[in-house]
Amino acid sequence: MFLESPLIKELLKKRQRGYILRVLTLRFGELPADLASLVDKIKGKRRLDNLFEYSIICPNLEAFRTRLFSRTNGS
């Protein structure tokens, strides 16, 4: 019941967005200013899960950005 709260769900998504950005920063250094804004716009949990996993294995920021704009990765 607690995890079904819309507020809790949004807080968990916000946290996951932060994890994505943290992983990318640790791997590639300072991020382009627009990337955080683009990640913050992602709403679906499944899509966030996919992007988090990809942030760990993507070869570079350009590949991540391509995946970010793709609609075939669990959107």
C-alpha atoms as a PDB file:
ATOM      1  CA  MET A   1       0.000   0.000   0.000  1.00  0.00           C
ATOM      2  CA  PHE A   2       2.816   2.374   0.929  1.00  0.00           C
ATOM      3  CA  LEU A   3       4.592   1.825  -2.414  1.00  0.00           C
ATOM      4  CA  GLU A   4       1.359   2.384  -4.339  1.00  0.00           C
ATOM      5  CA  SER A   5       1.214   6.025  -3.282  1.00  0.00           C
ATOM      6  CA  PRO A   6       1.662   8.356  -6.280  1.00  0.00           C
ATOM      7  CA  LEU A   7       3.971  10.541  -4.202  1.00  0.00           C
ATOM      8  CA  ILE A   8       6.182   7.608  -3.221  1.00  0.00           C
ATOM      9  CA  LYS A   9       6.249   6.363  -6.817  1.00  0.00           C
ATOM     10  CA  GLU A  10       7.383   9.769  -8.047  1.00  0.00           C
ATOM     11  CA  LEU A  11      10.046  10.023  -5.334  1.00  0.00           C
ATOM     12  CA  LEU A  12      11.401   6.610  -6.342  1.00  0.00           C
ATOM     13  CA  LYS A  13      11.487   7.654 -10.001  1.00  0.00           C
ATOM     14  CA  LYS A  14      13.312  10.868  -9.085  1.00  0.00           C
ATOM     15  CA  ARG A  15      15.851   8.835  -7.155  1.00  0.00           C
ATOM     16  CA  GLN A  16      16.334   6.484 -10.091  1.00  0.00           C
ATOM     17  CA  ARG A  17      16.873   9.444 -12.443  1.00  0.00           C
ATOM     18  CA  GLY A  18      19.579  10.602 -10.047  1.00  0.00           C
ATOM     19  CA  TYR A  19      21.214   7.172 -10.127  1.00  0.00           C
ATOM     20  CA  ILE A  20      21.285   7.234 -13.928  1.00  0.00           C
ATOM     21  CA  LEU A  21      22.995  10.618 -13.942  1.00  0.00           C
ATOM     22  CA  ARG A  22      25.418   9.544 -11.208  1.00  0.00           C
ATOM     23  CA  VAL A  23      26.487   6.437 -13.112  1.00  0.00           C
ATOM     24  CA  LEU A  24      27.002   8.429 -16.296  1.00  0.00           C
ATOM     25  CA  THR A  25      29.023  11.062 -14.422  1.00  0.00           C
ATOM     26  CA  LEU A  26      31.223   8.441 -12.783  1.00  0.00           C
ATOM     27  CA  ARG A  27      31.851   6.751 -16.114  1.00  0.00           C
ATOM     28  CA  PHE A  28      32.220   9.722 -18.451  1.00  0.00           C
ATOM     29  CA  GLY A  29      32.895  12.810 -16.327  1.00  0.00           C
ATOM     30  CA  GLU A  30      30.955  16.035 -16.495  1.00  0.00           C
ATOM     31  CA  LEU A  31      27.708  15.660 -18.417  1.00  0.00           C
ATOM     32  CA  PRO A  32      26.328  18.021 -21.047  1.00  0.00           C
ATOM     33  CA  ALA A  33      23.857  20.447 -19.475  1.00  0.00           C
ATOM     34  CA  ASP A  34      20.903  19.208 -21.502  1.00  0.00           C
ATOM     35  CA  LEU A  35      21.338  15.536 -20.595  1.00  0.00           C
ATOM     36  CA  ALA A  36      20.092  15.920 -17.006  1.00  0.00           C
ATOM     37  CA  SER A  37      17.062  17.794 -18.279  1.00  0.00           C
ATOM     38  CA  LEU A  38      16.302  15.045 -20.790  1.00  0.00           C
ATOM     39  CA  VAL A  39      16.618  12.299 -18.168  1.00  0.00           C
ATOM     40  CA  ASP A  40      14.369  14.276 -15.786  1.00  0.00           C
ATOM     41  CA  LYS A  41      11.587  14.172 -18.372  1.00  0.00           C
ATOM     42  CA  ILE A  42      11.450  10.357 -18.398  1.00  0.00           C
ATOM     43  CA  LYS A  43       8.344   9.238 -16.501  1.00  0.00           C
ATOM     44  CA  GLY A  44       7.841   5.479 -17.001  1.00  0.00           C
ATOM     45  CA  LYS A  45       9.401   3.121 -14.452  1.00  0.00           C
ATOM     46  CA  ARG A  46      10.126   0.466 -17.062  1.00  0.00           C
ATOM     47  CA  ARG A  47      11.898   3.002 -19.260  1.00  0.00           C
ATOM     48  CA  LEU A  48      13.887   4.291 -16.277  1.00  0.00           C
ATOM     49  CA  ASP A  49      14.880   0.722 -15.405  1.00  0.00           C
ATOM     50  CA  ASN A  50      16.086   0.181 -18.966  1.00  0.00           C
ATOM     51  CA  LEU A  51      18.011   3.448 -19.069  1.00  0.00           C
ATOM     52  CA  PHE A  52      19.627   2.746 -15.702  1.00  0.00           C
ATOM     53  CA  GLU A  53      20.844  -0.641 -16.886  1.00  0.00           C
ATOM     54  CA  TYR A  54      22.074   0.868 -20.138  1.00  0.00           C
ATOM     55  CA  SER A  55      23.899   3.660 -18.288  1.00  0.00           C
ATOM     56  CA  ILE A  56      26.073   0.934 -16.756  1.00  0.00           C
ATOM     57  CA  ILE A  57      27.028  -0.733 -20.039  1.00  0.00           C
ATOM     58  CA  CYS A  58      26.766   1.923 -22.753  1.00  0.00           C
ATOM     59  CA  PRO A  59      30.044   2.551 -24.564  1.00  0.00           C
ATOM     60  CA  ASN A  60      29.786   6.358 -24.498  1.00  0.00           C
ATOM     61  CA  LEU A  61      27.429   9.289 -23.933  1.00  0.00           C
ATOM     62  CA  GLU A  62      26.447   9.419 -27.593  1.00  0.00           C
ATOM     63  CA  ALA A  63      25.176   5.829 -27.375  1.00  0.00           C
ATOM     64  CA  PHE A  64      23.251   6.694 -24.215  1.00  0.00           C
ATOM     65  CA  ARG A  65      21.732   9.738 -25.871  1.00  0.00           C
ATOM     66  CA  THR A  66      20.683   7.593 -28.844  1.00  0.00           C
ATOM     67  CA  ARG A  67      19.006   5.118 -26.468  1.00  0.00           C
ATOM     68  CA  LEU A  68      17.374   7.989 -24.616  1.00  0.00           C
ATOM     69  CA  PHE A  69      15.663   9.125 -27.815  1.00  0.00           C
ATOM     70  CA  SER A  70      14.757   5.585 -28.873  1.00  0.00           C
ATOM     71  CA  ARG A  71      11.169   4.455 -28.341  1.00  0.00           C
ATOM     72  CA  THR A  72      11.966   0.751 -28.563  1.00  0.00           C
ATOM     73  CA  ASN A  73      13.609   0.334 -25.151  1.00  0.00           C
ATOM     74  CA  GLY A  74      10.741  -0.152 -22.765  1.00  0.00           C
ATOM     75  CA  SER A  75       9.070   3.234 -23.023  1.00  0.00           C
END
